[in-house]
Amino acid sequence: MFRLLYLLCVFSFAGVVQADDKIKQTLPLVAKSFSAPDFVLKGEDGKTYRLSDYRGKLVIIAFWATWCPPCRFEMPSLERAWGKLKDKNVVILGINVGEDADTIFEFTGSYPMSFPVPMDTKGEIVKRYPIIGLPTTYIISPDGMVTHRAVGSREWDTPQMLAKLLALSKK
């Protein structure tokens, strides 16, 4: 499975979205909303993260890996977005797929991340969400429903994207 995700990640790198005034980034709705599968994962920081603990908040789950070029492009914008959203009923969880704490720790030396980074080391959680490549990001409404899915990298900290996320956090 990780080999397929790697190939999809590499081939999607040509389609990396760069935010500027000429490109409108999308945050596509899922075809049909569904209840977000709960999970319990250890983080790179040693803490335990449980999706159900965030009920009542908008949750952004970004599935990613250190070896994925579009993920590397996206992580700094997620970090900037986190700085603007963390006190506004929004949570970002950067779920790393298939790697260990040492690999993630080394990565964060070049790409600092202060939002939680749960580790799906065995690839069990990523199987519960329809993933076709990395990065893939899901938006989970405060009532626990998956409403949006973004495949490929985004600039999460643009004024338009932040406004959309804040609006979703209030629904």
Foldseek 3Di string as FASTA:
>chain_A
DVVQQQVQLVVCVVVADDDDPVDDDDWAWDPDKDFQDWDWFAFLVRDIDIPVVLQLAKEKEWEAELVRVLVVVALQLVQVLCVVPVVQRYAYEDEYEQDHSVRVVVSCVVRPHPGTYGYNNVRPSVVVDDDNYPTKMWIAASNRITTTIDHTHDNCNDPVNSVVNSVRRVD
